[in-house]
Amino acid sequence: MSDNSVDPSGNTEAFRAFTQTPQPEPTASKTPLIITGVVVAVVLIAVIVWLVA
């Protein structure tokens, strides 16, 4: 008697495709950009205050 059902867990091709997928690149942190923006804003406010005074 033959078994006509296919065991999906026995599919090594699907497992190999899963393990060989490239890992996504980690996203860069936005912290340096935020710090730079804050520093630029503080410098601009200081220059405006210095020019007005």
PDB file of N, CA and C in Angstrom:
ATOM      1  N   MET A   1       0.849  -1.173   0.000  1.00  0.00           N
ATOM      2  CA  MET A   1       0.000   0.000   0.000  1.00  0.00           C
ATOM      3  C   MET A   1       0.900   1.243   0.000  1.00  0.00           C
ATOM      4  N   SER A   2       0.673   2.136  -0.951  1.00  0.00           N
ATOM      5  CA  SER A   2       1.517   3.319  -1.056  1.00  0.00           C
ATOM      6  C   SER A   2       0.897   4.486  -0.296  1.00  0.00           C
ATOM      7  N   ASP A   3       1.768   5.358   0.193  1.00  0.00           N
ATOM      8  CA  ASP A   3       1.329   6.536   0.926  1.00  0.00           C
ATOM      9  C   ASP A   3       1.315   7.713  -0.040  1.00  0.00           C
ATOM     10  N   ASN A   4       0.153   8.265  -0.338  1.00  0.00           N
ATOM     11  CA  ASN A   4       0.028   9.350  -1.318  1.00  0.00           C
ATOM     12  C   ASN A   4       0.181  10.731  -0.693  1.00  0.00           C
ATOM     13  N   SER A   5       0.181  10.852   0.603  1.00  0.00           N
ATOM     14  CA  SER A   5       0.328  12.163   1.231  1.00  0.00           C
ATOM     15  C   SER A   5       1.811  12.521   1.339  1.00  0.00           C
ATOM     16  N   VAL A   6       2.089  13.811   1.156  1.00  0.00           N
ATOM     17  CA  VAL A   6       3.472  14.305   1.217  1.00  0.00           C
ATOM     18  C   VAL A   6       3.670  15.020   2.547  1.00  0.00           C
ATOM     19  N   ASP A   7       4.720  14.659   3.241  1.00  0.00           N
ATOM     20  CA  ASP A   7       5.034  15.283   4.522  1.00  0.00           C
ATOM     21  C   ASP A   7       5.720  16.621   4.267  1.00  0.00           C
ATOM     22  N   PRO A   8       5.078  17.768   4.593  1.00  0.00           N
ATOM     23  CA  PRO A   8       5.706  19.069   4.323  1.00  0.00           C
ATOM     24  C   PRO A   8       6.971  19.303   5.149  1.00  0.00           C
ATOM     25  N   SER A   9       7.082  18.639   6.298  1.00  0.00           N
ATOM     26  CA  SER A   9       8.281  18.839   7.099  1.00  0.00           C
ATOM     27  C   SER A   9       9.477  18.095   6.514  1.00  0.00           C
ATOM     28  N   GLY A  10       9.218  17.206   5.582  1.00  0.00           N
ATOM     29  CA  GLY A  10      10.306  16.462   4.955  1.00  0.00           C
ATOM     30  C   GLY A  10      10.859  17.147   3.715  1.00  0.00           C
ATOM     31  N   ASN A  11      10.413  18.348   3.425  1.00  0.00           N
ATOM     32  CA  ASN A  11      10.848  19.060   2.225  1.00  0.00           C
ATOM     33  C   ASN A  11      12.150  19.808   2.533  1.00  0.00           C
ATOM     34  N   THR A  12      13.272  19.246   2.144  1.00  0.00           N
ATOM     35  CA  THR A  12      14.560  19.890   2.445  1.00  0.00           C
ATOM     36  C   THR A  12      14.803  21.096   1.551  1.00  0.00           C
ATOM     37  N   GLU A  13      14.182  21.137   0.386  1.00  0.00           N
ATOM     38  CA  GLU A  13      14.370  22.288  -0.499  1.00  0.00           C
ATOM     39  C   GLU A  13      13.811  23.562   0.148  1.00  0.00           C
ATOM     40  N   ALA A  14      12.654  23.462   0.780  1.00  0.00           N
ATOM     41  CA  ALA A  14      12.075  24.625   1.458  1.00  0.00           C
ATOM     42  C   ALA A  14      12.934  25.040   2.649  1.00  0.00           C
ATOM     43  N   PHE A  15      13.474  24.077   3.373  1.00  0.00           N
ATOM     44  CA  PHE A  15      14.331  24.405   4.515  1.00  0.00           C
ATOM     45  C   PHE A  15      15.609  25.091   4.059  1.00  0.00           C
ATOM     46  N   ARG A  16      16.198  24.591   2.980  1.00  0.00           N
ATOM     47  CA  ARG A  16      17.421  25.229   2.463  1.00  0.00           C
ATOM     48  C   ARG A  16      17.137  26.644   1.985  1.00  0.00           C
ATOM     49  N   ALA A  17      16.009  26.855   1.334  1.00  0.00           N
ATOM     50  CA  ALA A  17      15.656  28.213   0.896  1.00  0.00           C
ATOM     51  C   ALA A  17      15.484  29.131   2.100  1.00  0.00           C
ATOM     52  N   PHE A  18      14.920  28.595   3.188  1.00  0.00           N
ATOM     53  CA  PHE A  18      14.730  29.398   4.398  1.00  0.00           C
ATOM     54  C   PHE A  18      16.067  29.762   5.036  1.00  0.00           C
ATOM     55  N   THR A  19      16.984  28.819   5.102  1.00  0.00           N
ATOM     56  CA  THR A  19      18.255  29.081   5.781  1.00  0.00           C
ATOM     57  C   THR A  19      19.219  29.895   4.933  1.00  0.00           C
ATOM     58  N   GLN A  20      19.028  29.926   3.627  1.00  0.00           N
ATOM     59  CA  GLN A  20      19.963  30.639   2.761  1.00  0.00           C
ATOM     60  C   GLN A  20      19.473  32.029   2.381  1.00  0.00           C
ATOM     61  N   THR A  21      18.390  32.486   2.965  1.00  0.00           N
ATOM     62  CA  THR A  21      17.923  33.836   2.673  1.00  0.00           C
ATOM     63  C   THR A  21      18.862  34.830   3.337  1.00  0.00           C
ATOM     64  N   PRO A  22      19.198  35.922   2.649  1.00  0.00           N
ATOM     65  CA  PRO A  22      20.117  36.908   3.242  1.00  0.00           C
ATOM     66  C   PRO A  22      19.443  37.630   4.404  1.00  0.00           C
ATOM     67  N   GLN A  23      20.239  37.923   5.411  1.00  0.00           N
ATOM     68  CA  GLN A  23      19.735  38.632   6.581  1.00  0.00           C
ATOM     69  C   GLN A  23      19.596  40.115   6.231  1.00  0.00           C
ATOM     70  N   PRO A  24      18.529  40.763   6.682  1.00  0.00           N
ATOM     71  CA  PRO A  24      18.382  42.196   6.384  1.00  0.00           C
ATOM     72  C   PRO A  24      19.449  43.009   7.110  1.00  0.00           C
ATOM     73  N   GLU A  25      19.867  44.071   6.468  1.00  0.00           N
ATOM     74  CA  GLU A  25      20.876  44.954   7.052  1.00  0.00           C
ATOM     75  C   GLU A  25      20.258  45.699   8.233  1.00  0.00           C
ATOM     76  N   PRO A  26      20.993  45.824   9.332  1.00  0.00           N
ATOM     77  CA  PRO A  26      20.452  46.588  10.453  1.00  0.00           C
ATOM     78  C   PRO A  26      20.330  48.066  10.078  1.00  0.00           C
ATOM     79  N   THR A  27      19.258  48.682  10.498  1.00  0.00           N
ATOM     80  CA  THR A  27      19.054  50.088  10.169  1.00  0.00           C
ATOM     81  C   THR A  27      19.966  50.953  11.029  1.00  0.00           C
ATOM     82  N   ALA A  28      20.408  52.037  10.461  1.00  0.00           N
ATOM     83  CA  ALA A  28      21.307  52.950  11.164  1.00  0.00           C
ATOM     84  C   ALA A  28      20.526  53.720  12.226  1.00  0.00           C
ATOM     85  N   SER A  29      21.172  54.017  13.305  1.00  0.00           N
ATOM     86  CA  SER A  29      20.537  54.758  14.383  1.00  0.00           C
ATOM     87  C   SER A  29      20.377  56.219  13.985  1.00  0.00           C
ATOM     88  N   LYS A  30      19.271  56.818  14.391  1.00  0.00           N
ATOM     89  CA  LYS A  30      19.019  58.219  14.068  1.00  0.00           C
ATOM     90  C   LYS A  30      19.501  59.152  15.171  1.00  0.00           C
ATOM     91  N   THR A  31      20.094  58.614  16.211  1.00  0.00           N
ATOM     92  CA  THR A  31      20.536  59.426  17.337  1.00  0.00           C
ATOM     93  C   THR A  31      21.573  60.480  16.926  1.00  0.00           C
ATOM     94  N   PRO A  32      22.615  60.153  16.141  1.00  0.00           N
ATOM     95  CA  PRO A  32      23.570  61.203  15.752  1.00  0.00           C
ATOM     96  C   PRO A  32      22.911  62.323  14.949  1.00  0.00           C
ATOM     97  N   LEU A  33      21.927  61.980  14.118  1.00  0.00           N
ATOM     98  CA  LEU A  33      21.236  63.003  13.339  1.00  0.00           C
ATOM     99  C   LEU A  33      20.428  63.925  14.252  1.00  0.00           C
ATOM    100  N   ILE A  34      19.793  63.378  15.259  1.00  0.00           N
ATOM    101  CA  ILE A  34      19.008  64.187  16.196  1.00  0.00           C
ATOM    102  C   ILE A  34      19.918  65.091  17.017  1.00  0.00           C
ATOM    103  N   ILE A  35      21.041  64.548  17.475  1.00  0.00           N
ATOM    104  CA  ILE A  35      21.986  65.354  18.263  1.00  0.00           C
ATOM    105  C   ILE A  35      22.543  66.498  17.416  1.00  0.00           C
ATOM    106  N   THR A  36      22.873  66.213  16.159  1.00  0.00           N
ATOM    107  CA  THR A  36      23.384  67.254  15.266  1.00  0.00           C
ATOM    108  C   THR A  36      22.343  68.348  15.053  1.00  0.00           C
ATOM    109  N   GLY A  37      21.092  67.962  14.884  1.00  0.00           N
ATOM    110  CA  GLY A  37      20.022  68.948  14.702  1.00  0.00           C
ATOM    111  C   GLY A  37      19.854  69.840  15.921  1.00  0.00           C
ATOM    112  N   VAL A  38      19.932  69.254  17.100  1.00  0.00           N
ATOM    113  CA  VAL A  38      19.795  70.037  18.329  1.00  0.00           C
ATOM    114  C   VAL A  38      20.967  71.007  18.474  1.00  0.00           C
ATOM    115  N   VAL A  39      22.172  70.540  18.186  1.00  0.00           N
ATOM    116  CA  VAL A  39      23.357  71.412  18.295  1.00  0.00           C
ATOM    117  C   VAL A  39      23.254  72.574  17.307  1.00  0.00           C
ATOM    118  N   VAL A  40      22.834  72.308  16.080  1.00  0.00           N
ATOM    119  CA  VAL A  40      22.689  73.370  15.076  1.00  0.00           C
ATOM    120  C   VAL A  40      21.626  74.376  15.534  1.00  0.00           C
ATOM    121  N   ALA A  41      20.529  73.895  16.073  1.00  0.00           N
ATOM    122  CA  ALA A  41      19.473  74.797  16.537  1.00  0.00           C
ATOM    123  C   ALA A  41      19.973  75.686  17.675  1.00  0.00           C
ATOM    124  N   VAL A  42      20.714  75.113  18.618  1.00  0.00           N
ATOM    125  CA  VAL A  42      21.242  75.897  19.737  1.00  0.00           C
ATOM    126  C   VAL A  42      22.225  76.947  19.234  1.00  0.00           C
ATOM    127  N   VAL A  43      23.078  76.585  18.290  1.00  0.00           N
ATOM    128  CA  VAL A  43      24.053  77.544  17.745  1.00  0.00           C
ATOM    129  C   VAL A  43      23.333  78.664  17.008  1.00  0.00           C
ATOM    130  N   LEU A  44      22.315  78.322  16.221  1.00  0.00           N
ATOM    131  CA  LEU A  44      21.575  79.366  15.507  1.00  0.00           C
ATOM    132  C   LEU A  44      20.875  80.313  16.471  1.00  0.00           C
ATOM    133  N   ILE A  45      20.275  79.786  17.525  1.00  0.00           N
ATOM    134  CA  ILE A  45      19.621  80.647  18.518  1.00  0.00           C
ATOM    135  C   ILE A  45      20.651  81.523  19.211  1.00  0.00           C
ATOM    136  N   ALA A  46      21.811  80.979  19.530  1.00  0.00           N
ATOM    137  CA  ALA A  46      22.855  81.784  20.176  1.00  0.00           C
ATOM    138  C   ALA A  46      23.335  82.902  19.261  1.00  0.00           C
ATOM    139  N   VAL A  47      23.491  82.619  17.982  1.00  0.00           N
ATOM    140  CA  VAL A  47      23.940  83.655  17.044  1.00  0.00           C
ATOM    141  C   VAL A  47      22.872  84.732  16.904  1.00  0.00           C
ATOM    142  N   ILE A  48      21.606  84.365  16.842  1.00  0.00           N
ATOM    143  CA  ILE A  48      20.534  85.351  16.727  1.00  0.00           C
ATOM    144  C   ILE A  48      20.476  86.232  17.973  1.00  0.00           C
ATOM    145  N   VAL A  49      20.603  85.626  19.148  1.00  0.00           N
ATOM    146  CA  VAL A  49      20.603  86.390  20.402  1.00  0.00           C
ATOM    147  C   VAL A  49      21.793  87.330  20.441  1.00  0.00           C
ATOM    148  N   TRP A  50      22.958  86.876  19.984  1.00  0.00           N
ATOM    149  CA  TRP A  50      24.170  87.701  19.994  1.00  0.00           C
ATOM    150  C   TRP A  50      24.027  88.876  19.030  1.00  0.00           C
ATOM    151  N   LEU A  51      23.412  88.652  17.869  1.00  0.00           N
ATOM    152  CA  LEU A  51      23.229  89.740  16.894  1.00  0.00           C
ATOM    153  C   LEU A  51      22.215  90.760  17.369  1.00  0.00           C
ATOM    154  N   VAL A  52      21.194  90.340  18.070  1.00  0.00           N
ATOM    155  CA  VAL A  52      20.135  91.259  18.536  1.00  0.00           C
ATOM    156  C   VAL A  52      20.637  92.073  19.723  1.00  0.00           C
ATOM    157  N   ALA A  53      21.447  91.495  20.556  1.00  0.00           N
ATOM    158  CA  ALA A  53      21.881  92.191  21.772  1.00  0.00           C
ATOM    159  C   ALA A  53      22.874  93.264  21.515  1.00  0.00           C
TER     160      ALA A  53
END
